[in-house]
Amino acid sequence: MPGFSLSANHVGLTVSDLGRSIAFYRDLLGFNVAYERGEVTAEYMPRLVGIPGARLMIAGLDIPGLHLDLIEYIAPKGAASAGPTSDVGNVHLGFTVDDLWSAYRHLSAAGVHFKSEPVSPTTGPNKGGWAIYFVDPDGVTLEMIQRSAAAA
C-alpha cells in the first residue's frame, strides 16, 4: 500500500478547437456542459502544466460516472498527436451504451469516423455484447460497449 488513498477525479483531453469539441461531446454523445472557463489566467496554471507562459481555455463536461475536461491551448499551440491505437501512450475513452446499434446509426448519420463496423467480442468480459471504436474531431479514439444481457 502506498500510504494514501486514490480515486478517479477526471479525464483531460487537449483539443484543437474547444467549441467544436464541446459540440461533439454535448450534441452527439449527450454530455452535459458543467462549465466553460474561457481563458484561464490563474498564475499557477503554467506551473501546473509545466509549460512556461501557457495560456489555455477549459470546459468541463459530465456524464454519469465521468467528468471530462476539454482543454484548448491558446499558447503554445500543440501538435496533433492522435496516432494509431498501437502507439505507446495512446489512450482511448470507453463508454457503456444501452443500444450500440442505435448509437452507431446516430453517429454515422452525423458523419463520425469509425475504425470498423460494430463487432461482437467472442471472449472476455464483453463476450456476446457489441463494441466499436470511433474518433472525436481531433482523432482521439473513443469506444462504445454494449454488454450482453448475460453480463449486464
Protein backbone atom coordinates (compact mmCIF):
# COMPACT_ATOMS: atom_id res chain seq x y z
CA MET A 1 0.00 0.00 0.00
CA PRO A 2 1.32 3.45 -0.86
CA GLY A 3 0.19 5.17 2.36
CA PHE A 4 -2.50 7.28 0.68
CA SER A 5 -5.86 6.61 -0.96
CA LEU A 6 -6.61 7.35 -4.58
CA SER A 7 -9.82 7.72 -6.57
CA ALA A 8 -10.63 8.95 -10.07
CA ASN A 9 -11.33 12.68 -10.47
CA HIS A 10 -11.48 13.45 -14.19
CA VAL A 11 -10.05 12.78 -17.63
CA GLY A 12 -8.50 15.69 -19.51
CA LEU A 13 -8.22 15.88 -23.30
CA THR A 14 -6.27 18.56 -25.14
CA VAL A 15 -8.27 19.65 -28.18
CA SER A 16 -7.57 21.93 -31.13
CA ASP A 17 -10.92 23.76 -31.14
CA LEU A 18 -12.80 23.93 -27.84
CA GLY A 19 -16.12 24.97 -29.36
CA ARG A 20 -16.06 22.15 -31.90
CA SER A 21 -15.20 19.58 -29.23
CA ILE A 22 -17.89 20.84 -26.84
CA ALA A 23 -20.44 20.50 -29.65
CA PHE A 24 -19.27 16.94 -30.44
CA TYR A 25 -19.39 15.65 -26.88
CA ARG A 26 -22.57 17.55 -25.97
CA ASP A 27 -24.65 17.22 -29.13
CA LEU A 28 -23.56 13.79 -30.39
CA LEU A 29 -22.72 11.93 -27.18
CA GLY A 30 -25.05 13.62 -24.69
CA PHE A 31 -22.55 15.13 -22.26
CA ASN A 32 -23.78 17.98 -20.05
CA VAL A 33 -21.63 21.11 -20.04
CA ALA A 34 -20.84 21.79 -16.37
CA TYR A 35 -18.75 24.89 -17.07
CA GLU A 36 -16.80 26.83 -19.69
CA ARG A 37 -13.98 28.81 -18.11
CA GLY A 38 -12.78 30.82 -21.08
CA GLU A 39 -9.11 31.74 -20.84
CA VAL A 40 -7.64 30.63 -17.54
CA THR A 41 -5.50 33.47 -16.21
CA ALA A 42 -4.57 31.95 -12.85
CA GLU A 43 -0.84 32.32 -12.21
CA TYR A 44 -0.48 28.71 -11.08
CA MET A 45 -1.66 27.17 -14.37
CA PRO A 46 1.62 27.40 -16.38
CA ARG A 47 3.46 25.90 -13.39
CA LEU A 48 0.87 23.12 -13.01
CA VAL A 49 1.03 22.04 -16.66
CA GLY A 50 4.81 22.54 -16.85
CA ILE A 51 4.69 24.94 -19.80
CA PRO A 52 6.01 28.45 -19.10
CA GLY A 53 3.65 31.09 -20.46
CA ALA A 54 0.89 28.57 -21.17
CA ARG A 55 -2.49 30.11 -21.95
CA LEU A 56 -5.48 27.83 -22.17
CA MET A 57 -9.25 27.52 -22.08
CA ILE A 58 -11.11 24.75 -20.27
CA ALA A 59 -14.62 23.33 -20.41
CA GLY A 60 -15.89 20.64 -18.05
CA LEU A 61 -18.43 18.12 -19.28
CA ASP A 62 -20.22 15.35 -17.42
CA ILE A 63 -21.99 12.05 -17.99
CA PRO A 64 -22.80 9.60 -15.19
CA GLY A 65 -19.50 8.27 -13.85
CA LEU A 66 -17.19 10.62 -15.79
CA HIS A 67 -16.06 14.24 -15.65
CA LEU A 68 -14.24 15.25 -18.83
CA ASP A 69 -12.08 18.39 -19.08
CA LEU A 70 -11.62 19.65 -22.62
CA ILE A 71 -8.56 21.90 -22.83
CA GLU A 72 -7.54 24.13 -25.73
CA TYR A 73 -4.10 25.71 -25.54
CA ILE A 74 -4.13 29.25 -26.87
CA ALA A 75 -0.35 29.35 -26.47
CA PRO A 76 1.67 27.47 -27.22
CA LYS A 77 -0.37 25.65 -29.84
CA GLY A 78 0.39 21.96 -29.67
CA ALA A 79 0.93 19.47 -32.45
CA ALA A 80 -1.69 16.87 -33.33
CA SER A 81 -0.68 13.58 -31.76
CA ALA A 82 -3.61 11.18 -32.02
CA GLY A 83 -1.89 8.31 -33.80
CA PRO A 84 -2.72 4.63 -34.23
CA THR A 85 -4.10 2.85 -31.18
CA SER A 86 -0.92 0.74 -31.18
CA ASP A 87 1.25 3.80 -30.39
CA VAL A 88 2.72 3.73 -26.89
CA GLY A 89 0.92 6.29 -24.74
CA ASN A 90 -2.17 6.30 -26.94
CA VAL A 91 -5.34 6.36 -24.85
CA HIS A 92 -8.97 5.74 -25.55
CA LEU A 93 -12.11 6.53 -23.60
CA GLY A 94 -14.57 3.67 -23.24
CA PHE A 95 -18.29 4.20 -22.72
CA THR A 96 -21.07 1.77 -21.90
CA VAL A 97 -24.13 2.19 -24.10
CA ASP A 98 -27.54 0.52 -23.85
CA ASP A 99 -28.11 0.26 -27.63
CA LEU A 100 -24.90 0.23 -29.64
CA TRP A 101 -26.64 -0.13 -32.99
CA SER A 102 -28.80 2.93 -32.35
CA ALA A 103 -25.71 4.91 -31.29
CA TYR A 104 -23.85 3.68 -34.39
CA ARG A 105 -26.64 4.84 -36.72
CA HIS A 106 -26.89 8.22 -34.90
CA LEU A 107 -23.15 8.88 -35.10
CA SER A 108 -22.85 7.57 -38.66
CA ALA A 109 -25.59 9.96 -39.80
CA ALA A 110 -23.61 12.80 -38.21
CA GLY A 111 -20.51 11.87 -40.22
CA VAL A 112 -18.46 10.45 -37.33
CA HIS A 113 -15.46 8.35 -38.47
CA PHE A 114 -15.45 4.74 -37.25
CA LYS A 115 -12.46 2.43 -37.19
CA SER A 116 -14.75 -0.52 -38.04
CA GLU A 117 -18.35 -1.62 -38.02
CA PRO A 118 -19.67 -2.93 -34.67
CA VAL A 119 -18.07 -6.21 -33.63
CA SER A 120 -19.29 -8.83 -31.17
CA PRO A 121 -16.49 -9.88 -28.77
CA THR A 122 -16.11 -13.66 -28.53
CA THR A 123 -14.02 -13.69 -25.34
CA GLY A 124 -13.52 -11.65 -22.19
CA PRO A 125 -15.93 -9.62 -20.07
CA ASN A 126 -17.80 -8.22 -23.09
CA LYS A 127 -18.34 -11.63 -24.75
CA GLY A 128 -21.66 -11.72 -26.55
CA GLY A 129 -22.12 -7.95 -26.49
CA TRP A 130 -21.13 -5.32 -29.04
CA ALA A 131 -18.18 -2.93 -29.30
CA ILE A 132 -16.96 -0.26 -31.67
CA TYR A 133 -14.08 2.23 -31.94
CA PHE A 134 -14.62 5.71 -33.38
CA VAL A 135 -12.82 9.05 -33.18
CA ASP A 136 -13.59 12.55 -31.95
CA PRO A 137 -12.84 15.65 -34.08
CA ASP A 138 -9.15 15.56 -33.06
CA GLY A 139 -8.73 11.86 -33.76
CA VAL A 140 -8.92 10.71 -30.12
CA THR A 141 -10.14 7.12 -30.06
CA LEU A 142 -13.44 6.51 -28.30
CA GLU A 143 -15.08 3.14 -27.68
CA MET A 144 -18.67 2.14 -27.06
CA ILE A 145 -19.53 -1.18 -25.47
CA GLN A 146 -22.94 -2.77 -25.14
CA ARG A 147 -22.72 -5.57 -22.60
CA SER A 148 -24.54 -8.82 -23.34
CA ALA A 149 -27.75 -9.46 -21.43
CA ALA A 150 -25.95 -12.26 -19.55
CA ALA A 151 -23.09 -9.95 -18.49
CA ALA A 152 -25.27 -6.96 -17.60
